[in-house]
PDB file of N, CA and C in Angstrom:
ATOM      1  N   MET A   1      -4.835   3.918  -9.534  1.00  0.00           N
ATOM      2  CA  MET A   1      -6.062   4.779  -9.457  1.00  0.00           C
ATOM      3  C   MET A   1      -6.431   5.580  -7.792  1.00  0.00           C
ATOM      4  N   LYS A   2      -5.843   6.648  -7.666  1.00  0.00           N
ATOM      5  CA  LYS A   2      -5.782   7.237  -6.232  1.00  0.00           C
ATOM      6  C   LYS A   2      -7.113   7.063  -5.332  1.00  0.00           C
ATOM      7  N   SER A   3      -8.201   6.888  -6.736  1.00  0.00           N
ATOM      8  CA  SER A   3      -9.870   7.495  -6.435  1.00  0.00           C
ATOM      9  C   SER A   3     -10.235   6.586  -6.306  1.00  0.00           C
ATOM     10  N   ALA A   4      -9.423   5.008  -6.486  1.00  0.00           N
ATOM     11  CA  ALA A   4     -10.052   3.244  -5.888  1.00  0.00           C
ATOM     12  C   ALA A   4      -8.950   3.179  -4.726  1.00  0.00           C
ATOM     13  N   ILE A   5      -8.439   3.812  -3.980  1.00  0.00           N
ATOM     14  CA  ILE A   5      -7.635   3.350  -3.318  1.00  0.00           C
ATOM     15  C   ILE A   5      -8.965   3.168  -1.466  1.00  0.00           C
ATOM     16  N   SER A   6      -8.405   1.749  -1.134  1.00  0.00           N
ATOM     17  CA  SER A   6      -9.301   1.423  -0.273  1.00  0.00           C
ATOM     18  C   SER A   6      -8.783   1.436   1.015  1.00  0.00           C
ATOM     19  N   GLU A   7      -8.905   2.018   2.164  1.00  0.00           N
ATOM     20  CA  GLU A   7      -7.592   2.104   3.849  1.00  0.00           C
ATOM     21  C   GLU A   7      -8.394   1.081   4.428  1.00  0.00           C
ATOM     22  N   ILE A   8      -7.681   0.122   5.005  1.00  0.00           N
ATOM     23  CA  ILE A   8      -8.428  -0.418   6.134  1.00  0.00           C
ATOM     24  C   ILE A   8      -7.193  -0.658   7.151  1.00  0.00           C
ATOM     25  N   GLY A   9      -7.479   0.316   8.181  1.00  0.00           N
ATOM     26  CA  GLY A   9      -6.362   0.452   9.450  1.00  0.00           C
ATOM     27  C   GLY A   9      -5.039   0.670   8.766  1.00  0.00           C
ATOM     28  N   ASP A  10      -3.783  -0.112   8.814  1.00  0.00           N
ATOM     29  CA  ASP A  10      -2.540   0.642   8.183  1.00  0.00           C
ATOM     30  C   ASP A  10      -2.480  -0.157   7.157  1.00  0.00           C
ATOM     31  N   GLU A  11      -3.507  -0.445   6.396  1.00  0.00           N
ATOM     32  CA  GLU A  11      -2.946  -0.733   4.701  1.00  0.00           C
ATOM     33  C   GLU A  11      -4.517   0.183   3.853  1.00  0.00           C
ATOM     34  N   GLN A  12      -3.587  -0.270   2.347  1.00  0.00           N
ATOM     35  CA  GLN A  12      -4.223   0.737   1.586  1.00  0.00           C
ATOM     36  C   GLN A  12      -4.192  -0.558   0.358  1.00  0.00           C
ATOM     37  N   PHE A  13      -5.114  -0.742  -0.371  1.00  0.00           N
ATOM     38  CA  PHE A  13      -5.313  -1.435  -1.737  1.00  0.00           C
ATOM     39  C   PHE A  13      -6.292  -0.611  -2.672  1.00  0.00           C
ATOM     40  N   THR A  14      -5.650  -1.216  -3.841  1.00  0.00           N
ATOM     41  CA  THR A  14      -6.263  -0.812  -4.985  1.00  0.00           C
ATOM     42  C   THR A  14      -5.676  -1.540  -6.293  1.00  0.00           C
ATOM     43  N   PHE A  15      -5.936  -1.171  -7.570  1.00  0.00           N
ATOM     44  CA  PHE A  15      -5.296  -1.680  -8.652  1.00  0.00           C
ATOM     45  C   PHE A  15      -4.988  -1.283  -9.645  1.00  0.00           C
ATOM     46  N   CYS A  16      -4.038  -1.945  -9.898  1.00  0.00           N
ATOM     47  CA  CYS A  16      -3.060  -1.595 -10.657  1.00  0.00           C
ATOM     48  C   CYS A  16      -3.347  -1.541 -12.056  1.00  0.00           C
ATOM     49  N   GLN A  17      -3.601  -1.155 -13.225  1.00  0.00           N
ATOM     50  CA  GLN A  17      -4.242  -1.119 -14.444  1.00  0.00           C
ATOM     51  C   GLN A  17      -3.021  -1.340 -15.126  1.00  0.00           C
ATOM     52  N   ASN A  18      -1.590  -0.823 -15.296  1.00  0.00           N
ATOM     53  CA  ASN A  18      -0.529  -1.381 -16.043  1.00  0.00           C
ATOM     54  C   ASN A  18      -0.464  -2.756 -15.691  1.00  0.00           C
ATOM     55  N   CYS A  19      -0.391  -3.532 -14.620  1.00  0.00           N
ATOM     56  CA  CYS A  19       0.158  -4.878 -14.433  1.00  0.00           C
ATOM     57  C   CYS A  19      -0.793  -5.755 -13.725  1.00  0.00           C
ATOM     58  N   GLU A  20      -2.125  -5.024 -14.478  1.00  0.00           N
ATOM     59  CA  GLU A  20      -3.844  -6.087 -14.038  1.00  0.00           C
ATOM     60  C   GLU A  20      -3.413  -6.827 -12.681  1.00  0.00           C
ATOM     61  N   GLN A  21      -3.025  -6.214 -11.304  1.00  0.00           N
ATOM     62  CA  GLN A  21      -3.434  -6.614 -10.777  1.00  0.00           C
ATOM     63  C   GLN A  21      -3.656  -6.076  -9.245  1.00  0.00           C
ATOM     64  N   ASN A  22      -3.826  -6.835  -8.109  1.00  0.00           N
ATOM     65  CA  ASN A  22      -4.359  -6.134  -6.986  1.00  0.00           C
ATOM     66  C   ASN A  22      -2.805  -5.620  -6.449  1.00  0.00           C
ATOM     67  N   ILE A  23      -3.061  -4.295  -6.182  1.00  0.00           N
ATOM     68  CA  ILE A  23      -1.417  -3.527  -5.227  1.00  0.00           C
ATOM     69  C   ILE A  23      -1.828  -3.547  -4.018  1.00  0.00           C
ATOM     70  N   GLU A  24      -1.124  -3.751  -3.112  1.00  0.00           N
ATOM     71  CA  GLU A  24      -1.380  -3.137  -1.787  1.00  0.00           C
ATOM     72  C   GLU A  24       0.397  -2.184  -0.885  1.00  0.00           C
ATOM     73  N   ARG A  25      -0.218  -1.559   0.294  1.00  0.00           N
ATOM     74  CA  ARG A  25       0.810  -0.895   0.884  1.00  0.00           C
ATOM     75  C   ARG A  25       0.520  -0.998   2.401  1.00  0.00           C
ATOM     76  N   TYR A  26       1.485  -0.886   3.483  1.00  0.00           N
ATOM     77  CA  TYR A  26       1.039  -0.418   4.531  1.00  0.00           C
ATOM     78  C   TYR A  26       2.150   0.472   5.376  1.00  0.00           C
ATOM     79  N   TYR A  27       1.208   0.981   6.057  1.00  0.00           N
ATOM     80  CA  TYR A  27       2.438   1.850   7.021  1.00  0.00           C
ATOM     81  C   TYR A  27       3.096   1.460   7.591  1.00  0.00           C
ATOM     82  N   TYR A  28       4.690   1.959   8.004  1.00  0.00           N
ATOM     83  CA  TYR A  28       5.379   1.069   8.546  1.00  0.00           C
ATOM     84  C   TYR A  28       5.716   2.194   9.217  1.00  0.00           C
ATOM     85  N   ASP A  29       6.432   1.821  10.859  1.00  0.00           N
ATOM     86  CA  ASP A  29       6.608   2.936  11.755  1.00  0.00           C
ATOM     87  C   ASP A  29       7.718   1.896  12.900  1.00  0.00           C
ATOM     88  N   GLY A  30       7.926   0.662  12.218  1.00  0.00           N
ATOM     89  CA  GLY A  30       9.125  -0.336  13.008  1.00  0.00           C
ATOM     90  C   GLY A  30      10.504   0.210  13.071  1.00  0.00           C
ATOM     91  N   ASP A  31      10.932   1.429  12.614  1.00  0.00           N
ATOM     92  CA  ASP A  31      12.084   1.359  12.828  1.00  0.00           C
ATOM     93  C   ASP A  31      12.156   2.996  13.454  1.00  0.00           C
ATOM     94  N   PRO A  32      13.084   2.757  15.040  1.00  0.00           N
ATOM     95  CA  PRO A  32      12.725   4.488  15.409  1.00  0.00           C
ATOM     96  C   PRO A  32      13.710   5.442  14.669  1.00  0.00           C
ATOM     97  N   GLU A  33      14.682   4.995  14.035  1.00  0.00           N
ATOM     98  CA  GLU A  33      16.094   6.140  13.480  1.00  0.00           C
ATOM     99  C   GLU A  33      15.256   6.259  12.001  1.00  0.00           C
ATOM    100  N   GLN A  34      13.808   6.030  11.670  1.00  0.00           N
ATOM    101  CA  GLN A  34      13.151   6.743  10.712  1.00  0.00           C
ATOM    102  C   GLN A  34      11.637   6.823  10.715  1.00  0.00           C
ATOM    103  N   LEU A  35      11.362   8.050   9.871  1.00  0.00           N
ATOM    104  CA  LEU A  35      10.111   8.454  10.359  1.00  0.00           C
ATOM    105  C   LEU A  35       9.267   7.000   9.387  1.00  0.00           C
ATOM    106  N   PRO A  36       7.860   7.342  10.752  1.00  0.00           N
ATOM    107  CA  PRO A  36       7.054   6.614   9.529  1.00  0.00           C
ATOM    108  C   PRO A  36       6.355   6.703   8.313  1.00  0.00           C
ATOM    109  N   MET A  37       6.458   6.157   7.524  1.00  0.00           N
ATOM    110  CA  MET A  37       5.897   6.363   6.018  1.00  0.00           C
ATOM    111  C   MET A  37       5.357   5.040   5.553  1.00  0.00           C
ATOM    112  N   TRP A  38       4.693   5.341   4.061  1.00  0.00           N
ATOM    113  CA  TRP A  38       3.954   4.229   3.271  1.00  0.00           C
ATOM    114  C   TRP A  38       5.165   3.745   2.914  1.00  0.00           C
ATOM    115  N   THR A  39       5.001   2.201   2.882  1.00  0.00           N
ATOM    116  CA  THR A  39       5.876   1.446   1.838  1.00  0.00           C
ATOM    117  C   THR A  39       5.632   1.694   0.341  1.00  0.00           C
ATOM    118  N   ASP A  40       6.167   0.946  -0.412  1.00  0.00           N
ATOM    119  CA  ASP A  40       6.011   1.354  -1.947  1.00  0.00           C
ATOM    120  C   ASP A  40       4.783   0.094  -2.433  1.00  0.00           C
ATOM    121  N   TRP A  41       4.362   0.513  -3.534  1.00  0.00           N
ATOM    122  CA  TRP A  41       3.412  -0.249  -3.710  1.00  0.00           C
ATOM    123  C   TRP A  41       4.028  -1.797  -4.121  1.00  0.00           C
ATOM    124  N   TYR A  42       2.795  -2.809  -3.793  1.00  0.00           N
ATOM    125  CA  TYR A  42       3.606  -4.405  -4.139  1.00  0.00           C
ATOM    126  C   TYR A  42       2.412  -4.786  -4.529  1.00  0.00           C
ATOM    127  N   VAL A  43       2.550  -5.912  -5.549  1.00  0.00           N
ATOM    128  CA  VAL A  43       1.492  -6.946  -5.692  1.00  0.00           C
ATOM    129  C   VAL A  43       0.601  -7.375  -4.491  1.00  0.00           C
ATOM    130  N   SER A  44      -0.853  -7.644  -4.362  1.00  0.00           N
ATOM    131  CA  SER A  44      -1.362  -8.433  -3.427  1.00  0.00           C
ATOM    132  C   SER A  44      -0.962  -9.349  -3.619  1.00  0.00           C
ATOM    133  N   THR A  45      -0.912 -10.360  -2.408  1.00  0.00           N
ATOM    134  CA  THR A  45      -1.074 -11.785  -2.282  1.00  0.00           C
ATOM    135  C   THR A  45      -2.302 -12.762  -1.577  1.00  0.00           C
ATOM    136  N   LYS A  46      -3.189 -11.358  -1.252  1.00  0.00           N
ATOM    137  CA  LYS A  46      -4.658 -11.490  -0.524  1.00  0.00           C
ATOM    138  C   LYS A  46      -5.951 -11.792  -1.382  1.00  0.00           C
TER     139      LYS A  46
END
């Protein structure tokens, strides 16, 4: 649900209706050979 995305710093959080889990992703810019971008969504461990 894009309307339910919360952003804290360089992390985003929301709820996946398909898997019924909290999911998150973060902004990755640690590779100098790759442009900074959001990671894929993954199940939150928080």
